[in-house]
Amino acid sequence: MISLYLVFYSAFLLWQQWVLPAASEDIQGIVSTPRQCAQQLRKPITTHTDVLPQRIEVLSWNIYKAQHEQLLPDLRALSQGVDFVLLQEAFRDQQLFAIKPYARFSPGFRGWSKQTGTLLLSDFQPQLYCRFYQREPWLRTPKASSISRYALAQGGSLLVVNLHGINFTWGTEDYQRQLKTLTLLIAQHDGPVIFAGDFNTWSHSRQQLVQQLLTPLQLAPVTLSPDQRTRFFGYALDQVWTRGVKIKRAQALARESSDHNPILVSLSL
């Protein structure tokens, strides 16, 4: 009976993705292909009124499509004093977008009534926002990711990467393809980087692949204390990697309003 249910559910998701594909928008300042993003990243930083302070706060959280009634109150409370909010399984909703002055959405899975994806909320306007999606090899459900660039007061720029990792695969080929889209673009950037999100690192091979791709770029994983991240098969699904910053405080806090727990990081540039 369970197998029959999974077959029908998978067929429904597959049909839904072909009939209701991920949204495609033409918004000024947003690019949606790796080639366009690489071209923009190679351009010099322009004069910008929004520059980042020396110390910033980051929140990363898979919010489970805000299905729990306590999710929005928890998110608003956690976002107080935070400069960057990186959400996965977010959706187009004015209540979410109103949390911060600037909202950038990367569309992924689209259901009957909601377009979900990754969402970047910030107190600062990005100079560049690149968004991508890649479909799951089985169910064909798209997983979204994004890269944004921000000017620094001392010159140069910060890259902020938000990832919802591909989940349902036997091997790591499709997962590696998704990660390499992002790491090849990070390689175009000389400055500091924050790479966070739901990595879906639920196996040794996935975790090893992340380390193999990010370590050569001089990115290092952030150690959390307390560390109450959601785990599957003993592996933490959510991660934060950084380069060129100093970690002041990093913690993963228990919350009942999502199936993932939020990560809060305080750092200086």
Protein backbone atom coordinates (compact mmCIF):
# COMPACT_ATOMS: atom_id res chain seq x y z
CA MET A 1 0.00 0.00 0.00
CA ILE A 2 2.83 2.40 0.90
CA SER A 3 4.64 1.62 -2.36
CA LEU A 4 1.46 2.30 -4.35
CA TYR A 5 1.03 5.62 -2.57
CA LEU A 6 4.62 6.63 -3.37
CA VAL A 7 4.09 5.78 -7.04
CA PHE A 8 0.95 7.92 -7.29
CA TYR A 9 2.52 10.76 -5.29
CA SER A 10 5.62 10.75 -7.50
CA ALA A 11 3.43 10.75 -10.63
CA PHE A 12 1.46 13.70 -9.25
CA LEU A 13 4.62 15.71 -8.56
CA LEU A 14 5.99 14.91 -11.99
CA TRP A 15 2.77 16.05 -13.70
CA GLN A 16 2.68 19.16 -11.55
CA GLN A 17 6.19 20.15 -12.62
CA TRP A 18 5.46 19.84 -16.31
CA VAL A 19 2.13 21.66 -16.11
CA LEU A 20 3.25 24.22 -13.53
CA PRO A 21 6.96 24.91 -14.17
CA ALA A 22 9.08 27.21 -12.06
CA ALA A 23 8.35 30.87 -12.73
CA SER A 24 10.54 32.76 -15.13
CA GLU A 25 10.74 36.51 -14.56
CA ASP A 26 12.60 39.39 -16.16
CA ILE A 27 13.36 41.69 -13.25
CA GLN A 28 15.92 44.46 -13.55
CA GLY A 29 19.14 43.65 -11.70
CA ILE A 30 18.48 39.90 -11.56
CA VAL A 31 20.22 37.38 -13.81
CA SER A 32 19.23 33.74 -14.19
CA THR A 33 22.05 31.96 -16.02
CA PRO A 34 25.56 31.08 -14.76
CA ARG A 35 27.13 32.70 -17.82
CA GLN A 36 25.37 36.03 -17.21
CA CYS A 37 26.29 35.85 -13.52
CA ALA A 38 29.97 35.20 -14.30
CA GLN A 39 30.02 38.17 -16.67
CA GLN A 40 28.57 40.44 -13.98
CA LEU A 41 30.93 39.14 -11.28
CA ARG A 42 33.92 40.04 -13.45
CA LYS A 43 32.82 43.67 -13.59
CA PRO A 44 34.37 46.05 -11.04
CA ILE A 45 32.41 47.24 -8.04
CA THR A 46 30.52 50.43 -8.78
CA THR A 47 29.88 53.37 -6.48
CA HIS A 48 27.09 52.31 -4.18
CA THR A 49 25.28 54.01 -1.32
CA ASP A 50 24.57 50.70 0.47
CA VAL A 51 27.80 49.43 2.01
CA LEU A 52 28.01 46.78 4.70
CA PRO A 53 29.09 47.50 8.28
CA GLN A 54 32.13 45.81 9.77
CA ARG A 55 30.02 43.39 11.80
CA ILE A 56 26.97 41.58 10.43
CA GLU A 57 24.43 38.99 11.60
CA VAL A 58 23.17 36.15 9.40
CA LEU A 59 20.16 33.83 9.81
CA SER A 60 19.78 30.70 7.66
CA TRP A 61 16.64 28.56 7.93
CA ASN A 62 14.57 26.06 5.95
CA ILE A 63 11.11 27.24 7.00
CA TYR A 64 9.12 24.23 5.69
CA LYS A 65 6.85 26.47 3.57
CA ALA A 66 5.73 28.24 6.78
CA GLN A 67 3.15 25.53 7.40
CA HIS A 68 3.30 25.87 11.18
CA GLU A 69 1.29 28.70 12.72
CA GLN A 70 4.25 29.67 14.93
CA LEU A 71 6.68 29.99 12.04
CA LEU A 72 6.13 33.66 11.21
CA PRO A 73 6.31 34.82 14.85
CA ASP A 74 9.50 32.80 15.32
CA LEU A 75 11.00 34.16 12.10
CA ARG A 76 10.19 37.76 12.96
CA ALA A 77 11.75 37.35 16.41
CA LEU A 78 14.90 35.69 15.08
CA SER A 79 15.28 38.33 12.34
CA GLN A 80 15.50 41.21 14.81
CA GLY A 81 18.97 42.72 14.51
CA VAL A 82 19.92 40.35 11.67
CA ASP A 83 21.35 41.85 8.46
CA PHE A 84 20.84 38.85 6.14
CA VAL A 85 18.05 36.28 6.33
CA LEU A 86 18.58 33.28 4.03
CA LEU A 87 15.47 31.11 3.75
CA GLN A 88 14.85 27.81 2.01
CA GLU A 89 11.38 26.46 1.21
CA ALA A 90 10.14 30.03 1.37
CA PHE A 91 7.34 31.32 -0.84
CA ARG A 92 5.95 34.51 -2.32
CA ASP A 93 4.19 36.18 0.55
CA GLN A 94 4.08 39.83 1.60
CA GLN A 95 4.39 38.87 5.25
CA LEU A 96 7.75 37.28 4.50
CA PHE A 97 8.91 40.03 2.15
CA ALA A 98 8.05 42.71 4.71
CA ILE A 99 10.53 41.36 7.27
CA LYS A 100 13.42 43.26 5.65
CA PRO A 101 13.69 46.28 3.33
CA TYR A 102 15.06 44.20 0.45
CA ALA A 103 13.73 40.83 -0.74
CA ARG A 104 15.12 38.68 -3.55
CA PHE A 105 13.36 35.45 -4.49
CA SER A 106 14.75 32.48 -6.42
CA PRO A 107 11.82 30.34 -7.66
CA GLY A 108 11.90 26.58 -7.33
CA PHE A 109 9.03 24.17 -6.70
CA ARG A 110 5.58 25.39 -7.69
CA GLY A 111 2.48 23.83 -6.14
CA TRP A 112 -1.22 24.44 -6.63
CA SER A 113 -1.22 27.83 -4.95
CA LYS A 114 2.38 28.60 -3.92
CA GLN A 115 5.62 29.29 -5.74
CA THR A 116 8.36 28.18 -3.36
CA GLY A 117 12.12 28.62 -3.50
CA THR A 118 14.96 30.35 -1.70
CA LEU A 119 14.47 33.86 -0.37
CA LEU A 120 17.10 36.42 0.58
CA LEU A 121 15.95 39.18 2.92
CA SER A 122 18.41 41.92 3.82
CA ASP A 123 18.87 45.40 5.21
CA PHE A 124 21.11 46.25 2.26
CA GLN A 125 20.48 46.41 -1.47
CA PRO A 126 22.56 43.88 -3.44
CA GLN A 127 24.65 45.11 -6.34
CA LEU A 128 23.99 41.84 -8.12
CA TYR A 129 21.55 38.96 -7.65
CA CYS A 130 21.93 35.69 -9.57
CA ARG A 131 19.32 32.97 -9.19
CA PHE A 132 19.24 29.43 -10.48
CA TYR A 133 17.30 26.21 -10.20
CA GLN A 134 18.06 22.60 -11.00
CA ARG A 135 15.52 19.81 -11.17
CA GLU A 136 15.61 16.71 -9.00
CA PRO A 137 16.52 13.77 -11.28
CA TRP A 138 13.58 11.60 -10.11
CA LEU A 139 10.64 13.80 -9.24
CA ARG A 140 11.76 16.71 -11.47
CA THR A 141 11.00 19.15 -8.65
CA PRO A 142 13.30 22.19 -8.95
CA LYS A 143 15.67 23.19 -6.17
CA ALA A 144 16.63 26.86 -6.07
CA SER A 145 19.85 28.67 -5.20
CA SER A 146 21.18 32.21 -5.45
CA ILE A 147 24.31 34.35 -5.32
CA SER A 148 24.26 38.02 -4.36
CA ARG A 149 27.01 40.63 -4.14
CA TYR A 150 27.30 43.53 -1.70
CA ALA A 151 29.68 46.48 -1.57
CA LEU A 152 32.06 46.84 1.39
CA ALA A 153 32.93 50.15 2.99
CA GLN A 154 36.67 49.38 2.82
CA GLY A 155 36.43 48.43 -0.85
CA GLY A 156 35.71 45.14 -2.57
CA SER A 157 32.57 43.10 -2.06
CA LEU A 158 30.95 40.23 -0.17
CA LEU A 159 29.26 37.26 -1.86
CA VAL A 160 26.25 35.71 -0.11
CA VAL A 161 25.21 32.26 -1.39
CA ASN A 162 21.87 30.65 -0.49
CA LEU A 163 21.41 26.95 -1.33
CA HIS A 164 18.59 24.42 -1.21
CA GLY A 165 20.44 21.27 -2.17
CA ILE A 166 19.11 18.55 -4.46
CA ASN A 167 17.75 15.72 -2.33
CA PHE A 168 16.39 12.60 -4.04
CA THR A 169 19.25 10.94 -5.95
CA TRP A 170 21.01 7.57 -5.77
CA GLY A 171 24.44 8.99 -6.52
CA THR A 172 25.95 12.45 -6.29
CA GLU A 173 26.24 13.40 -9.98
CA ASP A 174 23.27 15.80 -10.05
CA TYR A 175 24.10 17.13 -6.60
CA GLN A 176 27.66 17.80 -7.75
CA ARG A 177 26.38 19.61 -10.84
CA GLN A 178 24.29 21.93 -8.68
CA LEU A 179 27.19 22.68 -6.33
CA LYS A 180 29.66 23.25 -9.18
CA THR A 181 27.39 25.88 -10.72
CA LEU A 182 27.87 27.86 -7.52
CA THR A 183 31.52 27.06 -6.81
CA LEU A 184 32.63 28.01 -10.33
CA LEU A 185 31.02 31.41 -9.78
CA ILE A 186 32.56 31.79 -6.31
CA ALA A 187 35.93 31.20 -7.98
CA GLN A 188 35.34 34.45 -9.95
CA HIS A 189 35.29 36.41 -6.67
CA ASP A 190 38.35 37.49 -4.69
CA GLY A 191 36.68 38.73 -1.51
CA PRO A 192 34.83 37.31 1.50
CA VAL A 193 32.04 34.76 1.06
CA ILE A 194 29.12 33.47 3.14
CA PHE A 195 27.69 30.18 1.80
CA ALA A 196 24.69 28.91 3.75
CA GLY A 197 21.50 26.92 3.42
CA ASP A 198 19.92 23.49 3.46
CA PHE A 199 22.72 21.43 1.87
CA ASN A 200 20.80 18.15 2.22
CA THR A 201 24.07 16.51 3.29
CA TRP A 202 22.48 13.31 4.59
CA SER A 203 25.30 10.92 3.61
CA HIS A 204 29.06 10.60 3.88
CA SER A 205 29.48 10.91 0.10
CA ARG A 206 27.49 14.15 0.00
CA GLN A 207 29.39 15.66 2.91
CA GLN A 208 32.69 14.59 1.35
CA LEU A 209 31.69 16.18 -1.97
CA VAL A 210 30.88 19.49 -0.26
CA GLN A 211 34.29 19.48 1.41
CA GLN A 212 36.06 18.60 -1.84
CA LEU A 213 34.41 21.47 -3.71
CA LEU A 214 34.50 24.20 -1.06
CA THR A 215 37.87 23.65 0.61
CA PRO A 216 39.96 24.56 -2.50
CA LEU A 217 38.08 27.89 -2.55
CA GLN A 218 39.40 28.53 1.00
CA LEU A 219 35.91 28.19 2.47
CA ALA A 220 35.66 26.61 5.92
CA PRO A 221 32.64 25.23 7.80
CA VAL A 222 31.35 27.27 10.72
CA THR A 223 31.38 25.46 14.08
CA LEU A 224 28.09 25.89 15.95
CA SER A 225 27.53 25.99 19.71
CA PRO A 226 24.95 24.95 20.64
CA ASP A 227 24.53 22.76 17.58
CA GLN A 228 20.91 21.62 17.36
CA ARG A 229 20.74 21.24 13.60
CA THR A 230 18.35 18.74 12.04
CA ARG A 231 20.18 15.51 11.27
CA PHE A 232 19.45 12.55 9.01
CA PHE A 233 21.51 9.35 9.27
CA GLY A 234 23.61 11.32 11.76
CA TYR A 235 24.57 14.06 9.27
CA ALA A 236 23.59 17.71 9.68
CA LEU A 237 21.47 18.93 6.73
CA ASP A 238 22.05 22.67 7.20
CA GLN A 239 25.48 24.27 6.97
CA VAL A 240 27.31 27.59 6.84
CA TRP A 241 30.70 27.97 5.16
CA THR A 242 32.69 31.22 5.11
CA ARG A 243 35.84 32.80 3.72
CA GLY A 244 37.57 36.02 4.69
CA VAL A 245 35.49 36.68 7.81
CA LYS A 246 35.94 36.22 11.55
CA ILE A 247 33.22 34.30 13.37
CA LYS A 248 32.11 35.94 16.61
CA ARG A 249 29.25 33.61 17.53
CA ALA A 250 27.45 30.77 15.75
CA GLN A 251 24.55 28.66 17.00
CA ALA A 252 21.73 26.41 15.82
CA LEU A 253 18.64 26.85 17.98
CA ALA A 254 15.78 24.41 18.53
CA ARG A 255 12.40 25.50 17.17
CA GLU A 256 9.19 23.51 16.74
CA SER A 257 7.81 25.62 13.90
CA SER A 258 9.80 23.90 11.12
CA ASP A 259 11.33 20.49 10.42
CA HIS A 260 14.73 22.27 10.34
CA ASN A 261 16.30 24.37 13.09
CA PRO A 262 17.57 27.91 12.38
CA ILE A 263 21.25 28.86 12.31
CA LEU A 264 22.40 32.26 13.59
CA VAL A 265 25.91 33.54 12.87
CA SER A 266 27.55 36.77 14.01
CA LEU A 267 30.73 37.71 12.14
CA SER A 268 33.05 40.55 11.25
CA LEU A 269 34.44 41.28 7.81
